[in-house]
């Protein structure tokens, strides 16, 4: 099981990607289409059929690429209004576990503003 801290920035690409892309292809996608920095957090990508996820992140001198392929069913992804969706570590864990986030509701809480 992957574990990311509460301060880890996690971004889900709003559109599906070609899953033939590897490290360099996904890094280029983050730089050129998602207006992001590949070193800035965890980047999550999904395929057109929503049966696969890839996670890309920088860790201790190199990029890591994790791939999850569902045996059954399809991923239910959060709605996006831009090129990417910001997620929490808990939301990513729920997505990886197959939980439909659209049916969950978050209780109100306060957090200090991000810098």
PDB file of N, CA and C in Angstrom:
ATOM      1  N   UNK A   1       0.842  -1.179   0.000  1.00  0.00           N
ATOM      2  CA  UNK A   1       0.000   0.000   0.000  1.00  0.00           C
ATOM      3  C   UNK A   1       0.887   1.242   0.000  1.00  0.00           C
ATOM      4  N   UNK A   2       0.596   2.156  -0.875  1.00  0.00           N
ATOM      5  CA  UNK A   2       1.311   3.421  -0.926  1.00  0.00           C
ATOM      6  C   UNK A   2       0.810   4.329   0.178  1.00  0.00           C
ATOM      7  N   UNK A   3       1.684   5.134   0.702  1.00  0.00           N
ATOM      8  CA  UNK A   3       1.291   6.060   1.751  1.00  0.00           C
ATOM      9  C   UNK A   3       1.910   7.418   1.469  1.00  0.00           C
ATOM     10  N   UNK A   4       1.061   8.425   1.380  1.00  0.00           N
ATOM     11  CA  UNK A   4       1.516   9.792   1.187  1.00  0.00           C
ATOM     12  C   UNK A   4       1.013  10.613   2.356  1.00  0.00           C
ATOM     13  N   UNK A   5       1.808  11.568   2.808  1.00  0.00           N
ATOM     14  CA  UNK A   5       1.433  12.407   3.938  1.00  0.00           C
ATOM     15  C   UNK A   5       0.365  13.423   3.575  1.00  0.00           C
ATOM     16  N   UNK A   6      -0.172  14.062   4.601  1.00  0.00           N
ATOM     17  CA  UNK A   6      -1.213  15.073   4.410  1.00  0.00           C
ATOM     18  C   UNK A   6      -0.719  16.285   3.639  1.00  0.00           C
ATOM     19  N   UNK A   7       0.568  16.541   3.679  1.00  0.00           N
ATOM     20  CA  UNK A   7       1.124  17.702   2.989  1.00  0.00           C
ATOM     21  C   UNK A   7       1.502  17.405   1.539  1.00  0.00           C
ATOM     22  N   UNK A   8       1.395  16.156   1.132  1.00  0.00           N
ATOM     23  CA  UNK A   8       1.736  15.790  -0.245  1.00  0.00           C
ATOM     24  C   UNK A   8       0.694  16.354  -1.192  1.00  0.00           C
ATOM     25  N   UNK A   9       1.167  17.018  -2.222  1.00  0.00           N
ATOM     26  CA  UNK A   9       0.255  17.557  -3.242  1.00  0.00           C
ATOM     27  C   UNK A   9      -0.021  16.454  -4.255  1.00  0.00           C
ATOM     28  N   UNK A  10      -1.296  16.198  -4.510  1.00  0.00           N
ATOM     29  CA  UNK A  10      -1.698  15.125  -5.422  1.00  0.00           C
ATOM     30  C   UNK A  10      -2.596  15.739  -6.485  1.00  0.00           C
ATOM     31  N   UNK A  11      -2.269  15.454  -7.740  1.00  0.00           N
ATOM     32  CA  UNK A  11      -3.009  16.015  -8.865  1.00  0.00           C
ATOM     33  C   UNK A  11      -3.491  14.887  -9.777  1.00  0.00           C
ATOM     34  N   UNK A  12      -4.752  14.905 -10.119  1.00  0.00           N
ATOM     35  CA  UNK A  12      -5.343  13.951 -11.059  1.00  0.00           C
ATOM     36  C   UNK A  12      -5.543  14.662 -12.386  1.00  0.00           C
ATOM     37  N   UNK A  13      -5.003  14.108 -13.459  1.00  0.00           N
ATOM     38  CA  UNK A  13      -5.224  14.680 -14.789  1.00  0.00           C
ATOM     39  C   UNK A  13      -6.719  14.610 -15.106  1.00  0.00           C
ATOM     40  N   UNK A  14      -7.266  15.680 -15.648  1.00  0.00           N
ATOM     41  CA  UNK A  14      -8.697  15.753 -15.909  1.00  0.00           C
ATOM     42  C   UNK A  14      -9.117  14.939 -17.131  1.00  0.00           C
ATOM     43  N   UNK A  15      -8.175  14.656 -18.035  1.00  0.00           N
ATOM     44  CA  UNK A  15      -8.488  13.886 -19.239  1.00  0.00           C
ATOM     45  C   UNK A  15      -7.661  12.610 -19.243  1.00  0.00           C
ATOM     46  N   UNK A  16      -8.198  11.593 -19.898  1.00  0.00           N
ATOM     47  CA  UNK A  16      -7.469  10.328 -20.001  1.00  0.00           C
ATOM     48  C   UNK A  16      -6.196  10.517 -20.826  1.00  0.00           C
ATOM     49  N   UNK A  17      -5.234   9.617 -20.605  1.00  0.00           N
ATOM     50  CA  UNK A  17      -3.967   9.697 -21.336  1.00  0.00           C
ATOM     51  C   UNK A  17      -3.701   8.364 -22.029  1.00  0.00           C
ATOM     52  N   UNK A  18      -2.833   8.420 -23.003  1.00  0.00           N
ATOM     53  CA  UNK A  18      -2.379   7.227 -23.711  1.00  0.00           C
ATOM     54  C   UNK A  18      -1.472   6.443 -22.762  1.00  0.00           C
ATOM     55  N   UNK A  19      -1.861   5.230 -22.406  1.00  0.00           N
ATOM     56  CA  UNK A  19      -1.116   4.470 -21.414  1.00  0.00           C
ATOM     57  C   UNK A  19       0.126   3.799 -21.964  1.00  0.00           C
ATOM     58  N   UNK A  20       0.469   4.073 -23.220  1.00  0.00           N
ATOM     59  CA  UNK A  20       1.766   3.631 -23.718  1.00  0.00           C
ATOM     60  C   UNK A  20       2.869   4.559 -23.222  1.00  0.00           C
ATOM     61  N   UNK A  21       2.475   5.712 -22.677  1.00  0.00           N
ATOM     62  CA  UNK A  21       3.463   6.666 -22.162  1.00  0.00           C
ATOM     63  C   UNK A  21       4.128   6.106 -20.910  1.00  0.00           C
ATOM     64  N   UNK A  22       5.426   6.311 -20.837  1.00  0.00           N
ATOM     65  CA  UNK A  22       6.187   5.933 -19.661  1.00  0.00           C
ATOM     66  C   UNK A  22       6.580   7.178 -18.875  1.00  0.00           C
ATOM     67  N   UNK A  23       7.669   7.074 -18.134  1.00  0.00           N
ATOM     68  CA  UNK A  23       8.144   8.189 -17.310  1.00  0.00           C
ATOM     69  C   UNK A  23       8.259   9.491 -18.100  1.00  0.00           C
ATOM     70  N   UNK A  24       9.027   9.447 -19.175  1.00  0.00           N
ATOM     71  CA  UNK A  24       9.316  10.672 -19.913  1.00  0.00           C
ATOM     72  C   UNK A  24       8.079  11.243 -20.600  1.00  0.00           C
ATOM     73  N   UNK A  25       7.222  10.390 -21.125  1.00  0.00           N
ATOM     74  CA  UNK A  25       5.993  10.866 -21.753  1.00  0.00           C
ATOM     75  C   UNK A  25       5.068  11.544 -20.759  1.00  0.00           C
ATOM     76  N   UNK A  26       4.952  10.977 -19.563  1.00  0.00           N
ATOM     77  CA  UNK A  26       4.088  11.575 -18.538  1.00  0.00           C
ATOM     78  C   UNK A  26       4.692  12.853 -17.978  1.00  0.00           C
ATOM     79  N   UNK A  27       6.011  12.891 -17.838  1.00  0.00           N
ATOM     80  CA  UNK A  27       6.679  14.117 -17.393  1.00  0.00           C
ATOM     81  C   UNK A  27       6.419  15.240 -18.401  1.00  0.00           C
ATOM     82  N   UNK A  28       6.537  14.932 -19.675  1.00  0.00           N
ATOM     83  CA  UNK A  28       6.246  15.914 -20.718  1.00  0.00           C
ATOM     84  C   UNK A  28       4.809  16.379 -20.678  1.00  0.00           C
ATOM     85  N   UNK A  29       3.893  15.477 -20.414  1.00  0.00           N
ATOM     86  CA  UNK A  29       2.473  15.826 -20.319  1.00  0.00           C
ATOM     87  C   UNK A  29       2.239  16.786 -19.154  1.00  0.00           C
ATOM     88  N   UNK A  30       2.861  16.517 -18.010  1.00  0.00           N
ATOM     89  CA  UNK A  30       2.721  17.410 -16.852  1.00  0.00           C
ATOM     90  C   UNK A  30       3.261  18.790 -17.196  1.00  0.00           C
ATOM     91  N   UNK A  31       4.420  18.851 -17.804  1.00  0.00           N
ATOM     92  CA  UNK A  31       5.042  20.138 -18.149  1.00  0.00           C
ATOM     93  C   UNK A  31       4.238  20.912 -19.179  1.00  0.00           C
ATOM     94  N   UNK A  32       3.790  20.236 -20.235  1.00  0.00           N
ATOM     95  CA  UNK A  32       3.229  20.928 -21.393  1.00  0.00           C
ATOM     96  C   UNK A  32       1.714  21.071 -21.391  1.00  0.00           C
ATOM     97  N   UNK A  33       0.993  20.125 -20.853  1.00  0.00           N
ATOM     98  CA  UNK A  33      -0.470  20.176 -20.930  1.00  0.00           C
ATOM     99  C   UNK A  33      -1.151  20.443 -19.598  1.00  0.00           C
ATOM    100  N   UNK A  34      -0.507  20.083 -18.504  1.00  0.00           N
ATOM    101  CA  UNK A  34      -1.137  20.258 -17.190  1.00  0.00           C
ATOM    102  C   UNK A  34      -0.599  21.484 -16.447  1.00  0.00           C
ATOM    103  N   UNK A  35       0.291  22.229 -17.093  1.00  0.00           N
ATOM    104  CA  UNK A  35       0.871  23.443 -16.502  1.00  0.00           C
ATOM    105  C   UNK A  35       1.401  23.189 -15.099  1.00  0.00           C
ATOM    106  N   UNK A  36       2.124  22.092 -14.942  1.00  0.00           N
ATOM    107  CA  UNK A  36       2.636  21.737 -13.627  1.00  0.00           C
ATOM    108  C   UNK A  36       4.109  21.423 -13.656  1.00  0.00           C
ATOM    109  N   UNK A  37       4.623  21.130 -12.483  1.00  0.00           N
ATOM    110  CA  UNK A  37       6.007  20.728 -12.305  1.00  0.00           C
ATOM    111  C   UNK A  37       5.998  19.282 -11.830  1.00  0.00           C
ATOM    112  N   UNK A  38       6.609  18.365 -12.555  1.00  0.00           N
ATOM    113  CA  UNK A  38       6.590  16.957 -12.159  1.00  0.00           C
ATOM    114  C   UNK A  38       7.202  16.696 -10.784  1.00  0.00           C
ATOM    115  N   UNK A  39       8.037  17.622 -10.304  1.00  0.00           N
ATOM    116  CA  UNK A  39       8.662  17.459  -8.991  1.00  0.00           C
ATOM    117  C   UNK A  39       7.768  17.956  -7.854  1.00  0.00           C
ATOM    118  N   UNK A  40       6.611  18.503  -8.203  1.00  0.00           N
ATOM    119  CA  UNK A  40       5.763  19.213  -7.248  1.00  0.00           C
ATOM    120  C   UNK A  40       4.795  18.323  -6.477  1.00  0.00           C
ATOM    121  N   UNK A  41       4.768  17.044  -6.730  1.00  0.00           N
ATOM    122  CA  UNK A  41       3.837  16.174  -6.019  1.00  0.00           C
ATOM    123  C   UNK A  41       3.625  14.868  -6.749  1.00  0.00           C
ATOM    124  N   UNK A  42       2.495  14.259  -6.482  1.00  0.00           N
ATOM    125  CA  UNK A  42       2.109  12.993  -7.109  1.00  0.00           C
ATOM    126  C   UNK A  42       1.141  13.318  -8.240  1.00  0.00           C
ATOM    127  N   UNK A  43       1.404  12.780  -9.410  1.00  0.00           N
ATOM    128  CA  UNK A  43       0.561  13.002 -10.586  1.00  0.00           C
ATOM    129  C   UNK A  43      -0.139  11.698 -10.916  1.00  0.00           C
ATOM    130  N   UNK A  44      -1.463  11.754 -11.043  1.00  0.00           N
ATOM    131  CA  UNK A  44      -2.285  10.561 -11.253  1.00  0.00           C
ATOM    132  C   UNK A  44      -2.912  10.652 -12.646  1.00  0.00           C
ATOM    133  N   UNK A  45      -2.814   9.559 -13.387  1.00  0.00           N
ATOM    134  CA  UNK A  45      -3.336   9.494 -14.751  1.00  0.00           C
ATOM    135  C   UNK A  45      -4.210   8.258 -14.891  1.00  0.00           C
ATOM    136  N   UNK A  46      -5.176   8.314 -15.800  1.00  0.00           N
ATOM    137  CA  UNK A  46      -6.046   7.161 -16.048  1.00  0.00           C
ATOM    138  C   UNK A  46      -6.209   6.962 -17.550  1.00  0.00           C
ATOM    139  N   UNK A  47      -6.578   5.737 -17.929  1.00  0.00           N
ATOM    140  CA  UNK A  47      -6.755   5.440 -19.353  1.00  0.00           C
ATOM    141  C   UNK A  47      -8.196   5.736 -19.788  1.00  0.00           C
ATOM    142  N   UNK A  48      -8.437   5.645 -21.080  1.00  0.00           N
ATOM    143  CA  UNK A  48      -9.735   6.003 -21.650  1.00  0.00           C
ATOM    144  C   UNK A  48     -10.870   5.150 -21.098  1.00  0.00           C
ATOM    145  N   UNK A  49     -10.608   3.870 -20.867  1.00  0.00           N
ATOM    146  CA  UNK A  49     -11.660   2.977 -20.355  1.00  0.00           C
ATOM    147  C   UNK A  49     -11.831   3.069 -18.840  1.00  0.00           C
ATOM    148  N   UNK A  50     -10.965   3.845 -18.185  1.00  0.00           N
ATOM    149  CA  UNK A  50     -10.971   4.011 -16.727  1.00  0.00           C
ATOM    150  C   UNK A  50     -10.806   2.670 -16.002  1.00  0.00           C
ATOM    151  N   UNK A  51      -9.925   1.837 -16.529  1.00  0.00           N
ATOM    152  CA  UNK A  51      -9.624   0.558 -15.892  1.00  0.00           C
ATOM    153  C   UNK A  51      -8.207   0.521 -15.328  1.00  0.00           C
ATOM    154  N   UNK A  52      -7.427   1.560 -15.593  1.00  0.00           N
ATOM    155  CA  UNK A  52      -6.034   1.618 -15.156  1.00  0.00           C
ATOM    156  C   UNK A  52      -5.712   2.998 -14.589  1.00  0.00           C
ATOM    157  N   UNK A  53      -4.808   3.016 -13.624  1.00  0.00           N
ATOM    158  CA  UNK A  53      -4.250   4.253 -13.076  1.00  0.00           C
ATOM    159  C   UNK A  53      -2.736   4.169 -13.115  1.00  0.00           C
ATOM    160  N   UNK A  54      -2.101   5.308 -13.372  1.00  0.00           N
ATOM    161  CA  UNK A  54      -0.652   5.420 -13.210  1.00  0.00           C
ATOM    162  C   UNK A  54      -0.384   6.594 -12.287  1.00  0.00           C
ATOM    163  N   UNK A  55       0.549   6.398 -11.359  1.00  0.00           N
ATOM    164  CA  UNK A  55       0.982   7.447 -10.446  1.00  0.00           C
ATOM    165  C   UNK A  55       2.450   7.732 -10.713  1.00  0.00           C
ATOM    166  N   UNK A  56       2.779   8.999 -10.826  1.00  0.00           N
ATOM    167  CA  UNK A  56       4.144   9.436 -11.090  1.00  0.00           C
ATOM    168  C   UNK A  56       4.554  10.406  -9.994  1.00  0.00           C
ATOM    169  N   UNK A  57       5.701  10.155  -9.360  1.00  0.00           N
ATOM    170  CA  UNK A  57       6.202  11.089  -8.369  1.00  0.00           C
ATOM    171  C   UNK A  57       7.713  10.968  -8.243  1.00  0.00           C
ATOM    172  N   UNK A  58       8.309  12.038  -7.722  1.00  0.00           N
ATOM    173  CA  UNK A  58       9.755  12.111  -7.513  1.00  0.00           C
ATOM    174  C   UNK A  58      10.067  11.638  -6.102  1.00  0.00           C
ATOM    175  N   UNK A  59      11.064  10.787  -5.977  1.00  0.00           N
ATOM    176  CA  UNK A  59      11.444  10.304  -4.653  1.00  0.00           C
ATOM    177  C   UNK A  59      12.935   9.996  -4.624  1.00  0.00           C
ATOM    178  N   UNK A  60      13.666  10.711  -3.804  1.00  0.00           N
ATOM    179  CA  UNK A  60      15.072  10.423  -3.519  1.00  0.00           C
ATOM    180  C   UNK A  60      15.920  10.186  -4.770  1.00  0.00           C
ATOM    181  N   UNK A  61      15.942  11.157  -5.656  1.00  0.00           N
ATOM    182  CA  UNK A  61      16.849  11.099  -6.789  1.00  0.00           C
ATOM    183  C   UNK A  61      16.309  10.458  -8.046  1.00  0.00           C
ATOM    184  N   UNK A  62      15.016  10.150  -8.101  1.00  0.00           N
ATOM    185  CA  UNK A  62      14.466   9.562  -9.313  1.00  0.00           C
ATOM    186  C   UNK A  62      12.952   9.533  -9.296  1.00  0.00           C
ATOM    187  N   UNK A  63      12.379   9.352 -10.480  1.00  0.00           N
ATOM    188  CA  UNK A  63      10.934   9.266 -10.591  1.00  0.00           C
ATOM    189  C   UNK A  63      10.479   7.833 -10.356  1.00  0.00           C
ATOM    190  N   UNK A  64       9.358   7.705  -9.695  1.00  0.00           N
ATOM    191  CA  UNK A  64       8.688   6.415  -9.504  1.00  0.00           C
ATOM    192  C   UNK A  64       7.411   6.413 -10.318  1.00  0.00           C
ATOM    193  N   UNK A  65       7.097   5.276 -10.896  1.00  0.00           N
ATOM    194  CA  UNK A  65       5.880   5.123 -11.681  1.00  0.00           C
ATOM    195  C   UNK A  65       5.177   3.859 -11.198  1.00  0.00           C
ATOM    196  N   UNK A  66       3.985   4.031 -10.655  1.00  0.00           N
ATOM    197  CA  UNK A  66       3.185   2.896 -10.191  1.00  0.00           C
ATOM    198  C   UNK A  66       1.989   2.742 -11.117  1.00  0.00           C
ATOM    199  N   UNK A  67       1.592   1.512 -11.381  1.00  0.00           N
ATOM    200  CA  UNK A  67       0.503   1.221 -12.303  1.00  0.00           C
ATOM    201  C   UNK A  67      -0.468   0.268 -11.618  1.00  0.00           C
ATOM    202  N   UNK A  68      -1.753   0.646 -11.566  1.00  0.00           N
ATOM    203  CA  UNK A  68      -2.787  -0.240 -11.041  1.00  0.00           C
ATOM    204  C   UNK A  68      -3.746  -0.576 -12.160  1.00  0.00           C
ATOM    205  N   UNK A  69      -3.989  -1.865 -12.361  1.00  0.00           N
ATOM    206  CA  UNK A  69      -4.937  -2.351 -13.361  1.00  0.00           C
ATOM    207  C   UNK A  69      -6.063  -3.043 -12.621  1.00  0.00           C
ATOM    208  N   UNK A  70      -7.289  -2.572 -12.844  1.00  0.00           N
ATOM    209  CA  UNK A  70      -8.442  -3.190 -12.208  1.00  0.00           C
ATOM    210  C   UNK A  70      -8.759  -4.526 -12.865  1.00  0.00           C
ATOM    211  N   UNK A  71      -9.087  -5.503 -12.071  1.00  0.00           N
ATOM    212  CA  UNK A  71      -9.506  -6.800 -12.598  1.00  0.00           C
ATOM    213  C   UNK A  71     -10.934  -6.729 -13.116  1.00  0.00           C
ATOM    214  N   UNK A  72     -11.752  -5.915 -12.441  1.00  0.00           N
ATOM    215  CA  UNK A  72     -13.155  -5.723 -12.826  1.00  0.00           C
ATOM    216  C   UNK A  72     -13.563  -4.289 -12.583  1.00  0.00           C
ATOM    217  N   UNK A  73     -14.598  -3.884 -13.279  1.00  0.00           N
ATOM    218  CA  UNK A  73     -15.175  -2.565 -13.040  1.00  0.00           C
ATOM    219  C   UNK A  73     -14.358  -1.435 -13.624  1.00  0.00           C
ATOM    220  N   UNK A  74     -14.826  -0.235 -13.320  1.00  0.00           N
ATOM    221  CA  UNK A  74     -14.195   0.982 -13.809  1.00  0.00           C
ATOM    222  C   UNK A  74     -14.046   1.967 -12.662  1.00  0.00           C
ATOM    223  N   UNK A  75     -13.066   2.834 -12.801  1.00  0.00           N
ATOM    224  CA  UNK A  75     -12.845   3.876 -11.805  1.00  0.00           C
ATOM    225  C   UNK A  75     -13.935   4.930 -11.904  1.00  0.00           C
ATOM    226  N   UNK A  76     -14.380   5.434 -10.782  1.00  0.00           N
ATOM    227  CA  UNK A  76     -15.290   6.578 -10.746  1.00  0.00           C
ATOM    228  C   UNK A  76     -14.447   7.762 -10.306  1.00  0.00           C
ATOM    229  N   UNK A  77     -14.262   8.700 -11.227  1.00  0.00           N
ATOM    230  CA  UNK A  77     -13.329   9.805 -11.017  1.00  0.00           C
ATOM    231  C   UNK A  77     -14.061  11.075 -10.607  1.00  0.00           C
ATOM    232  N   UNK A  78     -13.409  11.929  -9.818  1.00  0.00           N
ATOM    233  CA  UNK A  78     -14.036  13.202  -9.447  1.00  0.00           C
ATOM    234  C   UNK A  78     -14.190  14.115 -10.663  1.00  0.00           C
ATOM    235  N   UNK A  79     -15.186  14.974 -10.607  1.00  0.00           N
ATOM    236  CA  UNK A  79     -15.433  15.924 -11.695  1.00  0.00           C
ATOM    237  C   UNK A  79     -14.310  16.953 -11.746  1.00  0.00           C
ATOM    238  N   UNK A  80     -13.998  17.389 -12.955  1.00  0.00           N
ATOM    239  CA  UNK A  80     -12.924  18.362 -13.152  1.00  0.00           C
ATOM    240  C   UNK A  80     -13.450  19.565 -13.911  1.00  0.00           C
ATOM    241  N   UNK A  81     -12.940  20.734 -13.568  1.00  0.00           N
ATOM    242  CA  UNK A  81     -13.314  21.935 -14.312  1.00  0.00           C
ATOM    243  C   UNK A  81     -12.103  22.600 -14.962  1.00  0.00           C
ATOM    244  N   UNK A  82     -10.963  21.938 -14.904  1.00  0.00           N
ATOM    245  CA  UNK A  82      -9.744  22.464 -15.530  1.00  0.00           C
ATOM    246  C   UNK A  82      -8.947  21.314 -16.112  1.00  0.00           C
ATOM    247  N   UNK A  83      -7.633  21.471 -16.137  1.00  0.00           N
ATOM    248  CA  UNK A  83      -6.772  20.426 -16.695  1.00  0.00           C
ATOM    249  C   UNK A  83      -6.389  19.383 -15.660  1.00  0.00           C
ATOM    250  N   UNK A  84      -6.603  19.704 -14.378  1.00  0.00           N
ATOM    251  CA  UNK A  84      -6.252  18.769 -13.313  1.00  0.00           C
ATOM    252  C   UNK A  84      -7.153  18.991 -12.105  1.00  0.00           C
ATOM    253  N   UNK A  85      -7.205  17.990 -11.249  1.00  0.00           N
ATOM    254  CA  UNK A  85      -8.008  18.039 -10.031  1.00  0.00           C
ATOM    255  C   UNK A  85      -7.064  17.838  -8.856  1.00  0.00           C
ATOM    256  N   UNK A  86      -7.154  18.675  -7.866  1.00  0.00           N
ATOM    257  CA  UNK A  86      -6.348  18.517  -6.648  1.00  0.00           C
ATOM    258  C   UNK A  86      -7.046  17.508  -5.745  1.00  0.00           C
ATOM    259  N   UNK A  87      -6.287  16.564  -5.222  1.00  0.00           N
ATOM    260  CA  UNK A  87      -6.833  15.523  -4.358  1.00  0.00           C
ATOM    261  C   UNK A  87      -6.049  15.482  -3.049  1.00  0.00           C
ATOM    262  N   UNK A  88      -6.670  14.903  -2.031  1.00  0.00           N
ATOM    263  CA  UNK A  88      -5.966  14.637  -0.784  1.00  0.00           C
ATOM    264  C   UNK A  88      -5.458  13.201  -0.819  1.00  0.00           C
ATOM    265  N   UNK A  89      -4.570  12.884   0.114  1.00  0.00           N
ATOM    266  CA  UNK A  89      -4.056  11.518   0.203  1.00  0.00           C
ATOM    267  C   UNK A  89      -5.202  10.549   0.512  1.00  0.00           C
ATOM    268  N   UNK A  90      -6.164  10.978   1.322  1.00  0.00           N
ATOM    269  CA  UNK A  90      -7.309  10.126   1.651  1.00  0.00           C
ATOM    270  C   UNK A  90      -8.172   9.868   0.413  1.00  0.00           C
ATOM    271  N   UNK A  91      -8.370  10.889  -0.416  1.00  0.00           N
ATOM    272  CA  UNK A  91      -9.153  10.716  -1.644  1.00  0.00           C
ATOM    273  C   UNK A  91      -8.445   9.778  -2.611  1.00  0.00           C
ATOM    274  N   UNK A  92      -7.126   9.898  -2.721  1.00  0.00           N
ATOM    275  CA  UNK A  92      -6.376   8.990  -3.580  1.00  0.00           C
ATOM    276  C   UNK A  92      -6.477   7.558  -3.067  1.00  0.00           C
ATOM    277  N   UNK A  93      -6.349   7.374  -1.766  1.00  0.00           N
ATOM    278  CA  UNK A  93      -6.478   6.033  -1.182  1.00  0.00           C
ATOM    279  C   UNK A  93      -7.860   5.454  -1.472  1.00  0.00           C
ATOM    280  N   UNK A  94      -8.896   6.271  -1.349  1.00  0.00           N
ATOM    281  CA  UNK A  94     -10.259   5.811  -1.639  1.00  0.00           C
ATOM    282  C   UNK A  94     -10.394   5.438  -3.114  1.00  0.00           C
ATOM    283  N   UNK A  95      -9.843   6.254  -3.996  1.00  0.00           N
ATOM    284  CA  UNK A  95      -9.884   5.966  -5.434  1.00  0.00           C
ATOM    285  C   UNK A  95      -9.189   4.643  -5.736  1.00  0.00           C
ATOM    286  N   UNK A  96      -8.022   4.428  -5.129  1.00  0.00           N
ATOM    287  CA  UNK A  96      -7.290   3.177  -5.341  1.00  0.00           C
ATOM    288  C   UNK A  96      -8.039   1.972  -4.778  1.00  0.00           C
ATOM    289  N   UNK A  97      -8.874   2.191  -3.778  1.00  0.00           N
ATOM    290  CA  UNK A  97      -9.670   1.115  -3.186  1.00  0.00           C
ATOM    291  C   UNK A  97     -10.998   0.900  -3.907  1.00  0.00           C
ATOM    292  N   UNK A  98     -11.304   1.737  -4.896  1.00  0.00           N
ATOM    293  CA  UNK A  98     -12.530   1.568  -5.657  1.00  0.00           C
ATOM    294  C   UNK A  98     -13.739   2.249  -5.052  1.00  0.00           C
ATOM    295  N   UNK A  99     -13.525   3.223  -4.203  1.00  0.00           N
ATOM    296  CA  UNK A  99     -14.639   3.941  -3.578  1.00  0.00           C
ATOM    297  C   UNK A  99     -15.080   5.077  -4.488  1.00  0.00           C
ATOM    298  N   UNK A 100     -16.384   5.201  -4.676  1.00  0.00           N
ATOM    299  CA  UNK A 100     -16.977   6.251  -5.499  1.00  0.00           C
ATOM    300  C   UNK A 100     -17.033   7.525  -4.663  1.00  0.00           C
ATOM    301  N   UNK A 101     -16.141   8.460  -4.942  1.00  0.00           N
ATOM    302  CA  UNK A 101     -16.061   9.686  -4.155  1.00  0.00           C
ATOM    303  C   UNK A 101     -17.267  10.595  -4.353  1.00  0.00           C
ATOM    304  N   UNK A 102     -17.988  10.442  -5.457  1.00  0.00           N
ATOM    305  CA  UNK A 102     -19.160  11.296  -5.688  1.00  0.00           C
ATOM    306  C   UNK A 102     -20.287  10.963  -4.712  1.00  0.00           C
ATOM    307  N   UNK A 103     -20.252   9.795  -4.105  1.00  0.00           N
ATOM    308  CA  UNK A 103     -21.292   9.398  -3.157  1.00  0.00           C
ATOM    309  C   UNK A 103     -20.895   9.691  -1.710  1.00  0.00           C
ATOM    310  N   UNK A 104     -19.699  10.221  -1.530  1.00  0.00           N
ATOM    311  CA  UNK A 104     -19.215  10.561  -0.188  1.00  0.00           C
ATOM    312  C   UNK A 104     -19.432  12.044   0.048  1.00  0.00           C
ATOM    313  N   UNK A 105     -19.574  12.405   1.295  1.00  0.00           N
ATOM    314  CA  UNK A 105     -19.656  13.828   1.605  1.00  0.00           C
ATOM    315  C   UNK A 105     -18.649  14.149   2.697  1.00  0.00           C
ATOM    316  N   UNK A 106     -18.009  15.280   2.538  1.00  0.00           N
ATOM    317  CA  UNK A 106     -16.988  15.724   3.488  1.00  0.00           C
ATOM    318  C   UNK A 106     -17.645  16.610   4.536  1.00  0.00           C
ATOM    319  N   UNK A 107     -17.354  16.343   5.781  1.00  0.00           N
ATOM    320  CA  UNK A 107     -17.849  17.174   6.867  1.00  0.00           C
ATOM    321  C   UNK A 107     -17.081  18.488   6.883  1.00  0.00           C
ATOM    322  N   UNK A 108     -17.750  19.589   7.277  1.00  0.00           N
ATOM    323  CA  UNK A 108     -17.054  20.869   7.296  1.00  0.00           C
ATOM    324  C   UNK A 108     -15.916  20.859   8.318  1.00  0.00           C
ATOM    325  N   UNK A 109     -14.809  21.480   7.947  1.00  0.00           N
ATOM    326  CA  UNK A 109     -13.670  21.621   8.846  1.00  0.00           C
ATOM    327  C   UNK A 109     -12.836  22.792   8.409  1.00  0.00           C
ATOM    328  N   UNK A 110     -11.940  23.217   9.288  1.00  0.00           N
ATOM    329  CA  UNK A 110     -11.077  24.351   8.993  1.00  0.00           C
ATOM    330  C   UNK A 110      -9.652  23.868   8.883  1.00  0.00           C
ATOM    331  N   UNK A 111      -8.943  24.381   7.914  1.00  0.00           N
ATOM    332  CA  UNK A 111      -7.515  24.154   7.751  1.00  0.00           C
ATOM    333  C   UNK A 111      -6.859  25.487   7.461  1.00  0.00           C
ATOM    334  N   UNK A 112      -5.626  25.664   7.896  1.00  0.00           N
ATOM    335  CA  UNK A 112      -4.935  26.914   7.561  1.00  0.00           C
ATOM    336  C   UNK A 112      -4.743  27.009   6.051  1.00  0.00           C
ATOM    337  N   UNK A 113      -4.713  28.214   5.517  1.00  0.00           N
ATOM    338  CA  UNK A 113      -4.528  28.362   4.062  1.00  0.00           C
ATOM    339  C   UNK A 113      -3.166  27.817   3.626  1.00  0.00           C
ATOM    340  N   UNK A 114      -3.141  27.309   2.391  1.00  0.00           N
ATOM    341  CA  UNK A 114      -1.888  26.799   1.834  1.00  0.00           C
ATOM    342  C   UNK A 114      -0.998  27.943   1.421  1.00  0.00           C
ATOM    343  N   UNK A 115       0.291  27.719   1.481  1.00  0.00           N
ATOM    344  CA  UNK A 115       1.237  28.766   1.072  1.00  0.00           C
ATOM    345  C   UNK A 115       1.793  28.484  -0.281  1.00  0.00           C
TER     346      UNK A 115
END
